[in-house]
C-alpha atoms as a PDB file:
ATOM      1  CA  MET A   1      27.906   9.202   0.131  1.00  0.00           C
ATOM      2  CA  GLN A   2      29.665  11.103   3.124  1.00  0.00           C
ATOM      3  CA  SER A   3      28.541  11.848   6.704  1.00  0.00           C
ATOM      4  CA  GLU A   4      30.293  13.367   9.613  1.00  0.00           C
ATOM      5  CA  SER A   5      32.364  10.292  10.466  1.00  0.00           C
ATOM      6  CA  GLY A   6      33.452   9.401   6.619  1.00  0.00           C
ATOM      7  CA  ILE A   7      32.195   7.287   4.113  1.00  0.00           C
ATOM      8  CA  LYS A   8      28.650   5.965   4.886  1.00  0.00           C
ATOM      9  CA  SER A   9      28.933   2.167   4.937  1.00  0.00           C
ATOM     10  CA  PHE A  10      25.149   1.362   4.122  1.00  0.00           C
ATOM     11  CA  ASP A  11      23.062   3.167   1.983  1.00  0.00           C
ATOM     12  CA  CYS A  12      19.401   2.414   2.792  1.00  0.00           C
ATOM     13  CA  VAL A  13      17.666   4.137   0.141  1.00  0.00           C
ATOM     14  CA  LYS A  14      19.741   2.510  -2.484  1.00  0.00           C
ATOM     15  CA  TRP A  15      19.471  -0.844  -1.162  1.00  0.00           C
ATOM     16  CA  THR A  16      15.692  -0.149  -0.962  1.00  0.00           C
ATOM     17  CA  ARG A  17      15.389   0.571  -4.670  1.00  0.00           C
ATOM     18  CA  GLU A  18      17.802  -2.037  -5.607  1.00  0.00           C
ATOM     19  CA  THR A  19      15.512  -4.395  -3.883  1.00  0.00           C
ATOM     20  CA  ARG A  20      12.374  -3.300  -5.123  1.00  0.00           C
ATOM     21  CA  ASP A  21      13.893  -3.333  -8.708  1.00  0.00           C
ATOM     22  CA  ARG A  22      14.755  -6.796  -8.060  1.00  0.00           C
ATOM     23  CA  ILE A  23      11.807  -8.277  -6.765  1.00  0.00           C
ATOM     24  CA  SER A  24       9.288  -6.273  -9.341  1.00  0.00           C
ATOM     25  CA  ALA A  25      11.303  -7.820 -12.153  1.00  0.00           C
ATOM     26  CA  GLU A  26      10.914 -11.080 -10.483  1.00  0.00           C
ATOM     27  CA  ILE A  27       7.618 -11.184 -10.298  1.00  0.00           C
ATOM     28  CA  ARG A  28       6.736  -8.750 -13.320  1.00  0.00           C
ATOM     29  CA  ASP A  29       4.962 -11.759 -15.725  1.00  0.00           C
ATOM     30  CA  LEU A  30       3.461 -13.757 -12.749  1.00  0.00           C
ATOM     31  CA  SER A  31      -0.301 -15.075 -12.749  1.00  0.00           C
ATOM     32  CA  ASP A  32      -2.279 -14.621  -9.703  1.00  0.00           C
ATOM     33  CA  GLU A  33      -1.578 -17.991  -8.664  1.00  0.00           C
ATOM     34  CA  GLU A  34       2.178 -18.169  -9.486  1.00  0.00           C
ATOM     35  CA  LEU A  35       2.510 -15.027  -7.322  1.00  0.00           C
ATOM     36  CA  HIS A  36       0.694 -16.749  -4.579  1.00  0.00           C
ATOM     37  CA  ARG A  37       3.166 -19.830  -4.715  1.00  0.00           C
ATOM     38  CA  TRP A  38       5.904 -17.223  -4.915  1.00  0.00           C
ATOM     39  CA  LEU A  39       4.954 -15.555  -1.693  1.00  0.00           C
ATOM     40  CA  GLU A  40       4.027 -18.718  -0.096  1.00  0.00           C
ATOM     41  CA  ALA A  41       7.795 -20.162  -0.717  1.00  0.00           C
ATOM     42  CA  ARG A  42       9.132 -16.774   1.111  1.00  0.00           C
ATOM     43  CA  ARG A  43       7.117 -17.171   4.252  1.00  0.00           C
ATOM     44  CA  PRO A  44       9.058 -15.633   7.032  1.00  0.00           C
ATOM     45  CA  GLN A  45       9.968 -18.034   9.647  1.00  0.00           C
ATOM     46  CA  ASP A  46      10.000 -15.358  12.579  1.00  0.00           C
ATOM     47  CA  PRO A  47       6.823 -15.715  14.685  1.00  0.00           C
ATOM     48  CA  PHE A  48       5.859 -11.904  14.655  1.00  0.00           C
ATOM     49  CA  LEU A  49       6.662 -11.581  10.798  1.00  0.00           C
ATOM     50  CA  ALA A  50       4.551 -14.608  10.338  1.00  0.00           C
ATOM     51  CA  ALA A  51       1.737 -13.106  11.898  1.00  0.00           C
ATOM     52  CA  LEU A  52       2.048  -9.991   9.878  1.00  0.00           C
ATOM     53  CA  PHE A  53       2.461 -12.184   6.794  1.00  0.00           C
ATOM     54  CA  ASP A  54      -0.839 -14.168   7.288  1.00  0.00           C
ATOM     55  CA  ARG A  55      -2.919 -11.035   8.066  1.00  0.00           C
ATOM     56  CA  LYS A  56      -6.080 -10.904   5.693  1.00  0.00           C
ATOM     57  CA  THR A  57      -7.408  -7.569   6.654  1.00  0.00           C
ATOM     58  CA  SER A  58      -5.812  -4.236   7.923  1.00  0.00           C
ATOM     59  CA  PRO A  59      -4.918  -3.371  11.453  1.00  0.00           C
ATOM     60  CA  LYS A  60      -7.710  -2.250  13.421  1.00  0.00           C
ATOM     61  CA  GLY A  61      -7.107   0.910  15.796  1.00  0.00           C
ATOM     62  CA  SER A  62      -7.509   4.745  15.776  1.00  0.00           C
ATOM     63  CA  ARG A  63      -4.791   5.088  13.373  1.00  0.00           C
ATOM     64  CA  ALA A  64      -6.229   2.700  10.879  1.00  0.00           C
ATOM     65  CA  GLN A  65      -9.663   4.073  11.004  1.00  0.00           C
ATOM     66  CA  THR A  66      -8.366   7.647  10.514  1.00  0.00           C
ATOM     67  CA  ARG A  67      -6.641   7.134   7.408  1.00  0.00           C
ATOM     68  CA  GLU A  68      -7.839   8.703   4.127  1.00  0.00           C
ATOM     69  CA  PRO A  69      -8.054   6.412   1.093  1.00  0.00           C
ATOM     70  CA  ALA A  70      -5.313   6.650  -1.349  1.00  0.00           C
ATOM     71  CA  GLY A  71      -5.572   9.085  -4.274  1.00  0.00           C
ATOM     72  CA  ASP A  72      -7.567  11.324  -2.686  1.00  0.00           C
END
């Protein structure tokens, strides 16, 4: 892929798709309990990311309240 300055050094879309496909294949046949253990084994060390990881509910705020349900 080329940009104004030449060849693009990192293709974010390609990386995201490859990562998504790799993770999907890795967790495809896991039970709920196995999936929970898999997620726990990858718990982020960064305090901010850990707080997001531990969140049990949707964020509260004006944007969260005005969202339409998926599929509508």
